[in-house]
Amino acid sequence: MSHAEKVTELLRAHQDRLVAAFEKQDGGTTRFRDARWQRQGLGGGRARILERGNVFERAGVNVSLVAGEKVPSAVSRDRPHLADKPFVATGISMVLHPLNPYTPSFHANFRYFEIADEEWWFGGGMDLTPMYGFDADAVHFHRTLKAWCDRHELGRYDEWKKTCDEYFHIRHRNEMRGIGGVFFDRVADPSPHPSPEHLAFVDDGLRAILDAYLPIVARRADTPYGEREREWQLARRGRYAEFNLVYDRGTLFGLQTNANIEAVLMSMPPVARWGFEIVPEPGSPEADVARFLQPHDWAGRDTLAPAG
């Protein structure tokens, strides 16, 4: 079994565990359906998708293992010395879009690359996108991620939080996609293959997902809402879609490798809207969201975390 296949085996086990937990959070009546895909000369994957659930309007968890004779430009544009070299890539990605506007969307991915016999690395991370901001949720999310990073010598919370804030920035809107999280790339060492420490770090990060996100879902999913909140949610989802289609490297990589298009675009919200110059009323909960869309030290000790 190759190193990439060993990583894929770990990711598939987590896919099953995460899907079971998300189904339970949704109420247990709506199930993820299984969509396996294969491309000749590329590889394949297994997409798990839930739609029109009680809590999640759309949720997807995808694992893929692909290979090619030429590194896609989504990778080589930042590493030109790798252009035209064969690669193997495996990864898990997930996006959850809840129905209730007060419940934030969540994204995470962990990936592993091998370039010829020359380089390997891990990348990934996770981030949170609230449509309505709550300090308590942001603090909980970031402190959980920091605790995960602090448990490992490989962890670099402060550095990776800054990278996340910069990466998930919608430049044409001058705002972040959400409250960020952690985002890392090229976690590796000079050895010819990943060490047990690297695998333990990824394993623990995937386990941290439920601790970071599900308590927030449980706290917000039954909050009463009406048409106003739903319309605001759809407008904010429009910003989410803008980022994914304009800037996201994972989406670009999937398109460039001719991967399964449904799996590539499962990150998109099921329903969104765009309006001309949508400006929330000053002092409203919708206007308050703006302060969550700029970098903030949510994990810092001086951060206030009201229970509301």
Protein backbone atom coordinates (compact mmCIF):
# COMPACT_ATOMS: atom_id res chain seq x y z
CA MET A 1 0.00 0.00 0.00
CA SER A 2 1.41 3.43 -0.99
CA HIS A 3 1.69 6.34 1.43
CA ALA A 4 -1.20 8.11 -0.33
CA GLU A 5 -3.37 5.00 -0.01
CA LYS A 6 -2.60 4.76 3.71
CA VAL A 7 -3.65 8.38 4.17
CA THR A 8 -6.81 7.72 2.15
CA GLU A 9 -7.66 4.79 4.42
CA LEU A 10 -7.47 7.12 7.43
CA LEU A 11 -9.62 9.74 5.70
CA ARG A 12 -12.28 7.21 4.71
CA ALA A 13 -12.60 6.05 8.31
CA HIS A 14 -13.15 9.65 9.39
CA GLN A 15 -15.65 10.17 6.58
CA ASP A 16 -17.80 7.39 7.99
CA ARG A 17 -17.49 8.74 11.55
CA LEU A 18 -18.31 12.33 10.55
CA VAL A 19 -21.29 11.34 8.40
CA ALA A 20 -22.74 9.35 11.29
CA ALA A 21 -22.33 12.31 13.65
CA PHE A 22 -23.86 14.79 11.20
CA GLU A 23 -26.82 12.47 10.56
CA LYS A 24 -27.41 12.20 14.30
CA GLN A 25 -27.23 16.00 14.69
CA ASP A 26 -29.74 16.36 11.85
CA GLY A 27 -32.22 14.18 13.69
CA GLY A 28 -31.53 10.78 12.16
CA THR A 29 -34.37 10.75 9.64
CA THR A 30 -32.47 12.12 6.63
CA ARG A 31 -29.49 10.10 5.42
CA PHE A 32 -26.40 10.92 3.42
CA ARG A 33 -26.53 9.27 0.04
CA ASP A 34 -23.45 7.60 -1.38
CA ALA A 35 -22.08 8.79 -4.74
CA ARG A 36 -18.94 6.99 -5.84
CA TRP A 37 -17.09 8.21 -8.92
CA GLN A 38 -14.20 7.06 -11.10
CA ARG A 39 -12.25 8.69 -13.94
CA GLN A 40 -10.05 6.67 -16.25
CA GLY A 41 -6.44 7.74 -15.85
CA LEU A 42 -7.26 9.94 -12.84
CA GLY A 43 -8.65 7.96 -9.93
CA GLY A 44 -11.85 8.31 -8.01
CA GLY A 45 -13.63 9.10 -4.81
CA ARG A 46 -16.68 8.78 -2.66
CA ALA A 47 -18.98 11.73 -2.12
CA ARG A 48 -21.52 11.58 0.71
CA ILE A 49 -24.29 14.15 0.41
CA LEU A 50 -27.33 15.09 2.53
CA GLU A 51 -29.95 17.51 1.23
CA ARG A 52 -33.14 19.00 2.69
CA GLY A 53 -32.46 17.74 6.18
CA ASN A 54 -34.01 18.93 9.43
CA VAL A 55 -30.91 20.92 10.43
CA PHE A 56 -28.67 20.87 7.36
CA GLU A 57 -30.13 22.20 4.14
CA ARG A 58 -27.08 20.72 2.44
CA ALA A 59 -24.08 18.82 3.78
CA GLY A 60 -21.34 17.01 1.91
CA VAL A 61 -18.30 14.97 2.92
CA ASN A 62 -16.04 13.84 0.07
CA VAL A 63 -12.91 11.67 -0.03
CA SER A 64 -10.88 11.31 -3.22
CA LEU A 65 -7.63 9.75 -4.41
CA VAL A 66 -6.37 11.04 -7.75
CA ALA A 67 -3.16 10.94 -9.78
CA GLY A 68 -1.90 12.55 -12.95
CA GLU A 69 1.10 12.98 -15.21
CA LYS A 70 1.21 16.75 -14.80
CA VAL A 71 0.72 18.88 -11.71
CA PRO A 72 -2.30 21.20 -12.21
CA SER A 73 -1.58 24.92 -12.37
CA ALA A 74 -3.55 25.41 -9.13
CA VAL A 75 -0.49 23.83 -7.47
CA SER A 76 2.37 24.73 -9.82
CA ARG A 77 1.58 28.44 -10.05
CA ASP A 78 3.00 28.83 -6.53
CA ARG A 79 5.66 26.14 -7.10
CA PRO A 80 6.86 26.48 -10.70
CA HIS A 81 9.64 23.92 -10.21
CA LEU A 82 6.96 21.24 -9.91
CA ALA A 83 5.32 21.98 -13.26
CA ASP A 84 4.97 19.02 -15.64
CA LYS A 85 5.76 16.46 -12.92
CA PRO A 86 3.49 13.53 -11.98
CA PHE A 87 1.49 13.74 -8.77
CA VAL A 88 -0.73 11.80 -6.40
CA ALA A 89 -3.25 13.60 -4.20
CA THR A 90 -5.73 12.41 -1.63
CA GLY A 91 -8.01 14.43 0.56
CA ILE A 92 -11.21 14.82 2.53
CA SER A 93 -13.38 17.91 2.18
CA MET A 94 -16.65 18.84 3.79
CA VAL A 95 -19.09 21.73 3.77
CA LEU A 96 -22.28 22.05 5.82
CA HIS A 97 -24.95 24.67 5.10
CA PRO A 98 -27.60 24.67 7.86
CA LEU A 99 -31.19 25.68 7.22
CA ASN A 100 -31.49 28.05 10.19
CA PRO A 101 -29.93 31.46 9.39
CA TYR A 102 -28.55 31.71 12.93
CA THR A 103 -26.51 28.53 12.47
CA PRO A 104 -23.17 29.10 10.70
CA SER A 105 -21.89 27.23 7.68
CA PHE A 106 -18.77 25.13 8.17
CA HIS A 107 -15.95 24.02 5.88
CA ALA A 108 -12.94 21.77 6.42
CA ASN A 109 -10.45 19.91 4.29
CA PHE A 110 -7.31 17.86 4.83
CA ARG A 111 -5.19 16.86 1.84
CA TYR A 112 -1.96 15.03 1.07
CA PHE A 113 0.22 15.55 -2.03
CA GLU A 114 3.09 13.52 -3.45
CA ILE A 115 5.00 15.04 -6.35
CA ALA A 116 6.96 12.38 -8.27
CA ASP A 117 9.42 10.95 -5.76
CA GLU A 118 10.64 14.39 -4.75
CA GLU A 119 8.21 16.05 -2.35
CA TRP A 120 5.22 15.36 -0.13
CA TRP A 121 3.18 17.54 2.18
CA PHE A 122 -0.07 17.91 4.09
CA GLY A 123 -2.37 20.90 3.84
CA GLY A 124 -5.84 21.88 4.94
CA GLY A 125 -7.71 23.46 7.80
CA MET A 126 -11.20 24.53 8.75
CA ASP A 127 -13.21 27.74 8.97
CA LEU A 128 -16.64 29.00 10.07
CA THR A 129 -19.02 31.29 8.20
CA PRO A 130 -21.79 32.80 10.34
CA MET A 131 -24.69 34.68 8.76
CA TYR A 132 -25.40 36.24 12.18
CA GLY A 133 -22.50 36.81 14.53
CA PHE A 134 -22.22 35.57 18.12
CA ASP A 135 -19.05 36.23 20.10
CA ALA A 136 -19.51 33.05 22.12
CA ASP A 137 -19.55 30.91 18.99
CA ALA A 138 -16.46 32.56 17.53
CA VAL A 139 -14.55 32.18 20.79
CA HIS A 140 -15.52 28.53 21.18
CA PHE A 141 -14.58 27.70 17.61
CA HIS A 142 -11.16 29.34 17.71
CA ARG A 143 -10.24 28.10 21.16
CA THR A 144 -11.05 24.54 20.11
CA LEU A 145 -8.79 24.87 17.08
CA LYS A 146 -6.02 26.39 19.17
CA ALA A 147 -6.26 23.53 21.65
CA TRP A 148 -5.86 21.04 18.78
CA CYS A 149 -2.80 22.86 17.45
CA ASP A 150 -1.31 23.20 20.95
CA ARG A 151 -1.51 19.42 21.44
CA HIS A 152 1.01 18.87 18.64
CA GLU A 153 4.55 20.03 18.03
CA LEU A 154 3.57 20.55 14.39
CA GLY A 155 0.77 22.96 15.35
CA ARG A 156 1.12 26.68 14.56
CA TYR A 157 -2.22 28.22 15.55
CA ASP A 158 -1.20 31.92 15.39
CA GLU A 159 0.52 31.52 12.03
CA TRP A 160 -2.23 29.40 10.51
CA LYS A 161 -5.00 31.66 11.77
CA LYS A 162 -3.34 34.60 10.01
CA THR A 163 -3.00 32.52 6.84
CA CYS A 164 -6.69 31.61 7.07
CA ASP A 165 -7.75 35.24 7.54
CA GLU A 166 -5.75 36.19 4.45
CA TYR A 167 -6.83 33.26 2.29
CA PHE A 168 -10.58 33.44 2.95
CA HIS A 169 -10.65 37.13 2.06
CA ILE A 170 -13.07 38.25 -0.63
CA ARG A 171 -10.90 40.93 -2.14
CA HIS A 172 -13.57 42.53 -4.31
CA ARG A 173 -15.74 42.92 -1.17
CA ASN A 174 -12.90 43.76 1.24
CA GLU A 175 -14.22 41.31 3.79
CA MET A 176 -13.48 37.81 5.00
CA ARG A 177 -15.80 34.96 4.07
CA GLY A 178 -16.49 34.38 7.76
CA ILE A 179 -14.59 34.34 11.05
CA GLY A 180 -11.75 32.24 9.66
CA GLY A 181 -10.14 29.39 11.53
CA VAL A 182 -6.83 27.77 10.60
CA PHE A 183 -5.39 27.11 7.15
CA PHE A 184 -2.03 25.46 6.52
CA ASP A 185 0.00 24.23 3.59
CA ARG A 186 3.23 22.31 3.03
CA VAL A 187 3.41 20.68 6.45
CA ALA A 188 6.21 18.21 5.82
CA ASP A 189 9.80 17.29 6.71
CA PRO A 190 12.83 16.01 4.77
CA SER A 191 12.00 12.33 5.33
CA PRO A 192 10.85 10.27 2.30
CA HIS A 193 7.36 9.68 3.70
CA PRO A 194 4.98 11.04 6.37
CA SER A 195 5.87 10.32 9.97
CA PRO A 196 3.51 8.97 12.65
CA GLU A 197 3.48 12.50 14.09
CA HIS A 198 2.05 13.90 10.85
CA LEU A 199 -0.67 11.26 10.72
CA ALA A 200 -1.52 11.81 14.40
CA PHE A 201 -1.80 15.54 13.78
CA VAL A 202 -4.24 15.02 10.89
CA ASP A 203 -6.19 12.37 12.81
CA ASP A 204 -6.60 14.69 15.80
CA GLY A 205 -7.59 17.60 13.58
CA LEU A 206 -10.37 15.57 12.02
CA ARG A 207 -11.55 14.58 15.49
CA ALA A 208 -11.56 18.24 16.55
CA ILE A 209 -14.19 19.07 13.91
CA LEU A 210 -17.12 17.77 15.93
CA ASP A 211 -15.93 19.50 19.12
CA ALA A 212 -15.48 22.79 17.28
CA TYR A 213 -18.73 22.86 15.30
CA LEU A 214 -21.52 20.71 16.68
CA PRO A 215 -21.95 22.55 20.02
CA ILE A 216 -22.59 25.71 17.98
CA VAL A 217 -25.13 23.89 15.80
CA ALA A 218 -26.90 22.55 18.88
CA ARG A 219 -27.04 26.04 20.38
CA ARG A 220 -28.44 27.80 17.28
CA ALA A 221 -30.42 25.31 15.19
CA ASP A 222 -33.76 25.88 16.96
CA THR A 223 -33.58 29.68 17.09
CA PRO A 224 -36.82 31.19 15.73
CA TYR A 225 -36.46 33.10 12.45
CA GLY A 226 -38.56 34.61 9.73
CA GLU A 227 -38.42 35.88 6.15
CA ARG A 228 -36.06 38.74 7.02
CA GLU A 229 -33.46 36.39 8.48
CA ARG A 230 -33.83 33.96 5.59
CA GLU A 231 -33.31 36.69 3.01
CA TRP A 232 -30.18 37.87 4.82
CA GLN A 233 -28.88 34.30 4.97
CA LEU A 234 -29.32 33.90 1.21
CA ALA A 235 -27.50 37.18 0.54
CA ARG A 236 -24.58 36.09 2.73
CA ARG A 237 -24.55 32.74 0.95
CA GLY A 238 -24.08 34.70 -2.26
CA ARG A 239 -20.79 36.03 -0.85
CA TYR A 240 -19.82 32.45 0.04
CA ALA A 241 -20.45 31.37 -3.55
CA GLU A 242 -18.44 34.32 -4.89
CA PHE A 243 -15.39 33.23 -2.94
CA ASN A 244 -15.66 29.59 -4.00
CA LEU A 245 -16.01 30.39 -7.68
CA VAL A 246 -13.48 33.23 -7.89
CA TYR A 247 -10.71 32.43 -5.40
CA ASP A 248 -10.88 28.92 -3.96
CA ARG A 249 -7.87 26.82 -4.97
CA GLY A 250 -9.60 23.53 -4.12
CA THR A 251 -12.42 24.26 -6.57
CA LEU A 252 -9.88 25.23 -9.24
CA PHE A 253 -7.85 22.06 -8.61
CA GLY A 254 -10.95 19.89 -9.00
CA LEU A 255 -11.91 21.58 -12.25
CA GLN A 256 -8.38 21.36 -13.65
CA THR A 257 -8.07 17.64 -12.88
CA ASN A 258 -11.46 16.85 -14.45
CA ALA A 259 -12.67 15.37 -11.18
CA ASN A 260 -16.34 14.62 -10.55
CA ILE A 261 -18.04 17.99 -11.02
CA GLU A 262 -20.82 17.24 -8.52
CA ALA A 263 -18.22 16.45 -5.83
CA VAL A 264 -16.19 19.55 -6.73
CA LEU A 265 -19.20 21.85 -6.45
CA MET A 266 -20.86 20.20 -3.45
CA SER A 267 -19.41 23.07 -1.40
CA MET A 268 -21.84 25.51 -2.98
CA PRO A 269 -24.87 26.57 -0.91
CA PRO A 270 -28.11 25.00 -2.19
CA VAL A 271 -29.90 28.37 -2.40
CA ALA A 272 -28.39 31.88 -2.55
CA ARG A 273 -29.33 35.33 -3.80
CA TRP A 274 -27.73 38.51 -5.05
CA GLY A 275 -29.21 41.97 -4.71
CA PHE A 276 -28.00 45.37 -5.75
CA GLU A 277 -26.30 47.28 -2.91
CA ILE A 278 -27.68 45.27 0.00
CA VAL A 279 -26.97 47.53 2.99
CA PRO A 280 -28.25 46.48 6.42
CA GLU A 281 -29.94 48.98 8.71
CA PRO A 282 -27.42 50.64 11.08
CA GLY A 283 -27.47 49.04 14.53
CA SER A 284 -29.27 45.92 13.30
CA PRO A 285 -28.08 42.32 13.88
CA GLU A 286 -27.37 42.17 10.15
CA ALA A 287 -25.09 45.22 10.36
CA ASP A 288 -23.28 43.70 13.33
CA VAL A 289 -22.06 40.86 11.12
CA ALA A 290 -19.49 43.23 9.56
CA ARG A 291 -17.29 43.16 12.67
CA PHE A 292 -17.01 39.37 12.38
CA LEU A 293 -15.68 39.64 8.83
CA GLN A 294 -12.38 41.27 9.76
CA PRO A 295 -9.43 39.62 11.56
CA HIS A 296 -9.95 39.30 15.31
CA ASP A 297 -8.17 37.52 18.15
CA TRP A 298 -11.09 35.30 19.11
CA ALA A 299 -8.94 32.87 21.06
CA GLY A 300 -7.30 35.65 23.10
CA ARG A 301 -7.92 35.86 26.83
CA ASP A 302 -9.18 39.43 26.53
CA THR A 303 -12.04 38.42 24.21
CA LEU A 304 -15.49 38.84 25.73
CA ALA A 305 -17.86 35.96 25.05
CA PRO A 306 -21.46 36.83 25.89
CA ALA A 307 -23.74 33.82 26.15
CA GLY A 308 -26.27 35.15 23.64
